[in-house]
Protein backbone atom coordinates (compact mmCIF):
# COMPACT_ATOMS: atom_id res chain seq x y z
CA MET A 1 0.10 0.09 -0.09
CA HIS A 2 2.81 2.56 0.89
CA LYS A 3 4.31 1.67 -2.64
CA THR A 4 0.94 2.55 -4.17
CA LEU A 5 0.71 6.15 -2.49
CA ARG A 6 4.17 6.88 -3.75
CA VAL A 7 3.23 6.02 -7.30
CA MET A 8 0.24 7.94 -7.01
CA ARG A 9 2.29 11.01 -5.78
CA ALA A 10 4.52 10.67 -8.63
CA ILE A 11 2.04 10.05 -11.35
CA GLY A 12 -0.72 12.19 -10.24
CA MET A 13 -4.46 12.43 -10.68
CA GLU A 14 -4.65 9.37 -13.21
CA ALA A 15 -3.07 7.33 -10.46
CA MET A 16 -5.34 8.65 -7.79
CA VAL A 17 -8.26 7.38 -9.71
CA LEU A 18 -6.66 4.06 -10.41
CA ALA A 19 -5.75 3.60 -6.47
CA SER A 20 -9.35 4.44 -5.58
CA TYR A 21 -10.72 1.83 -8.10
CA LEU A 22 -8.11 -0.67 -6.49
CA LEU A 23 -8.98 0.18 -2.86
CA LYS A 24 -12.58 -0.40 -3.66
CA GLU A 25 -12.13 -4.02 -4.04
CA VAL A 26 -10.09 -4.17 -1.08
CA ALA A 27 -12.58 -2.56 0.91
CA TYR A 28 -15.38 -4.83 -0.39
CA SER A 29 -13.31 -7.86 0.58
CA PHE A 30 -12.50 -6.50 4.16
CA PHE A 31 -16.17 -5.67 4.39
CA GLU A 32 -17.27 -9.09 3.49
CA LEU A 33 -14.71 -10.65 6.00
CA LEU A 34 -16.46 -8.29 8.47
CA GLU A 35 -19.72 -9.39 7.77
CA GLU A 36 -18.74 -13.17 7.79
CA SER A 37 -17.06 -12.71 11.21
CA CYS A 38 -20.37 -11.40 12.77
CA GLU A 39 -22.77 -14.04 14.63
CA GLU A 40 -25.90 -15.15 12.39
CA GLY A 41 -28.77 -13.00 13.16
CA SER A 42 -26.94 -9.96 14.27
CA PRO A 43 -27.35 -6.60 12.85
CA PRO A 44 -25.21 -5.53 9.92
CA ALA A 45 -22.17 -4.22 10.40
CA ARG A 46 -22.22 -0.35 11.02
CA TRP A 47 -19.92 1.98 9.14
CA SER A 48 -17.77 2.90 12.16
CA LYS A 49 -16.70 -0.74 12.98
CA PHE A 50 -15.96 -1.34 9.35
CA ALA A 51 -13.90 2.25 9.19
CA ASN A 52 -12.20 1.45 12.37
CA GLY A 53 -11.43 -2.21 11.59
CA PHE A 54 -10.20 -0.97 8.09
CA ILE A 55 -7.91 1.51 9.51
CA ASP A 56 -6.64 -0.83 11.95
CA ASN A 57 -5.75 -3.18 9.39
CA PHE A 58 -4.54 -1.17 6.64
CA LEU A 59 -3.04 2.03 7.95
CA PRO A 60 0.72 1.64 9.42
CA THR A 61 1.29 2.26 12.91
CA GLU A 62 3.47 5.13 12.70
CA THR A 63 0.81 6.87 10.37
CA LYS A 64 -1.86 6.18 13.05
CA ALA A 65 0.34 7.33 15.97
CA ALA A 66 1.23 10.63 13.48
CA ARG A 67 -2.75 11.21 13.04
CA ALA A 68 -3.20 10.74 16.92
CA ALA A 69 -0.58 13.64 17.43
CA GLU A 70 -2.31 15.69 14.84
CA PHE A 71 -5.58 15.54 16.54
CA GLU A 72 -3.91 15.81 20.25
CA SER A 73 -2.45 19.25 18.94
CA LEU A 74 -5.35 20.32 17.08
CA ARG A 75 -6.31 24.07 18.06
CA GLN A 76 -8.53 26.67 16.52
CA GLY A 77 -6.00 29.30 16.14
CA HIS A 78 -7.17 31.63 13.52
CA MET A 79 -9.91 29.40 12.05
CA SER A 80 -13.65 30.00 12.64
CA VAL A 81 -15.11 27.70 15.21
CA TRP A 82 -17.21 25.99 12.34
CA ASP A 83 -13.78 25.28 10.31
CA TYR A 84 -12.30 23.92 13.53
CA HIS A 85 -15.44 21.72 14.12
CA MET A 86 -15.20 20.44 10.60
CA ARG A 87 -11.48 19.37 11.21
CA PHE A 88 -12.26 17.83 14.72
CA PRO A 89 -13.87 14.89 13.65
CA ARG A 90 -11.86 14.28 10.58
CA LYS A 91 -8.69 14.21 12.92
CA SER A 92 -10.43 12.19 15.62
CA LYS A 93 -11.29 9.04 13.73
CA TYR A 94 -7.68 7.84 14.11
CA VAL A 95 -8.36 8.14 17.94
CA ILE A 96 -11.51 6.89 18.51
CA TYR A 97 -10.09 5.22 21.93
CA ILE A 98 -9.51 9.04 23.14
CA LEU A 99 -13.29 9.50 22.55
CA PRO A 100 -15.46 6.79 23.86
CA THR A 101 -18.12 9.01 25.10
CA MET A 102 -19.75 12.45 24.19
CA GLU A 103 -18.58 14.09 27.24
CA ALA A 104 -14.94 12.74 25.98
CA ARG A 105 -15.74 14.81 22.85
CA VAL A 106 -16.66 17.74 24.41
CA ARG A 107 -13.54 17.84 26.79
CA MET A 108 -11.15 17.55 23.87
CA PHE A 109 -13.08 20.07 21.74
CA VAL A 110 -13.10 22.94 24.26
CA PRO A 111 -9.33 23.27 25.05
CA GLY A 112 -8.73 23.77 21.37
CA LEU A 113 -10.80 26.64 21.02
CA SER A 114 -9.44 30.13 20.44
CA HIS A 115 -8.95 32.50 23.14
CA LEU A 116 -11.94 34.61 22.05
CA VAL A 117 -14.28 32.06 22.98
CA ILE A 118 -12.83 29.56 25.46
CA ASN A 119 -13.74 31.24 28.74
CA GLU A 120 -17.30 31.42 27.95
CA VAL A 121 -17.63 27.81 26.20
CA ALA A 122 -15.49 26.21 28.96
CA THR A 123 -18.13 27.57 31.57
CA GLY A 124 -20.98 26.25 29.28
CA SER A 125 -19.33 22.74 29.12
CA LEU A 126 -19.89 22.32 32.62
CA ASN A 127 -23.55 22.20 32.00
CA SER A 128 -24.78 18.69 32.42
CA ASP A 129 -26.71 18.29 29.22
CA MET A 130 -23.93 20.07 26.87
CA ASN A 131 -23.37 17.48 24.18
CA TYR A 132 -20.82 18.06 21.10
CA ARG A 133 -23.34 19.34 18.86
CA LYS A 134 -24.76 22.07 21.30
CA MET A 135 -21.34 22.63 22.37
CA VAL A 136 -20.39 23.61 18.61
CA ALA A 137 -23.49 25.61 18.32
CA PHE A 138 -22.87 27.48 21.69
CA SER A 139 -19.28 28.12 20.59
CA GLN A 140 -20.38 29.45 17.11
CA SER A 141 -22.91 31.87 18.59
CA THR A 142 -20.31 33.03 21.21
CA GLU A 143 -18.03 33.82 18.42
CA THR A 144 -20.61 35.85 16.26
CA SER A 145 -21.38 37.68 19.12
CA LYS A 146 -17.80 38.53 20.28
CA LEU A 147 -16.79 39.32 16.61
CA LYS A 148 -19.65 41.68 16.36
CA ASN A 149 -18.58 43.58 19.35
């Protein structure tokens, strides 16, 4: 797989189309194995189980470690809350074990927010019914009101 990626970079877009075609077969075969490993009568495999299993099987340990480090160092910086929120789940998919609950997701999201909103949002995160979706909405509204002032 590493060799394929190097070739894709060297050749360009045509190689990316070819690689995605080749990976489709690999992904389908992996999905079939996943379905076969389920007990009879159990519900079909969910996307998260497939994605996590696929990443575990085909992504090198060094790459997973690098992605985990990227996630752990993710900060809003000069991005908007929305842009930060859009990167958060993309980066977190490599470290699902860090975010087993909604509370854990909120606890990881809040410290990465910019100085503009973090104080209000950190206080809001103490609310017992605050989930990730509500936290993002609250962060966005706080950012909007601060930027207006």
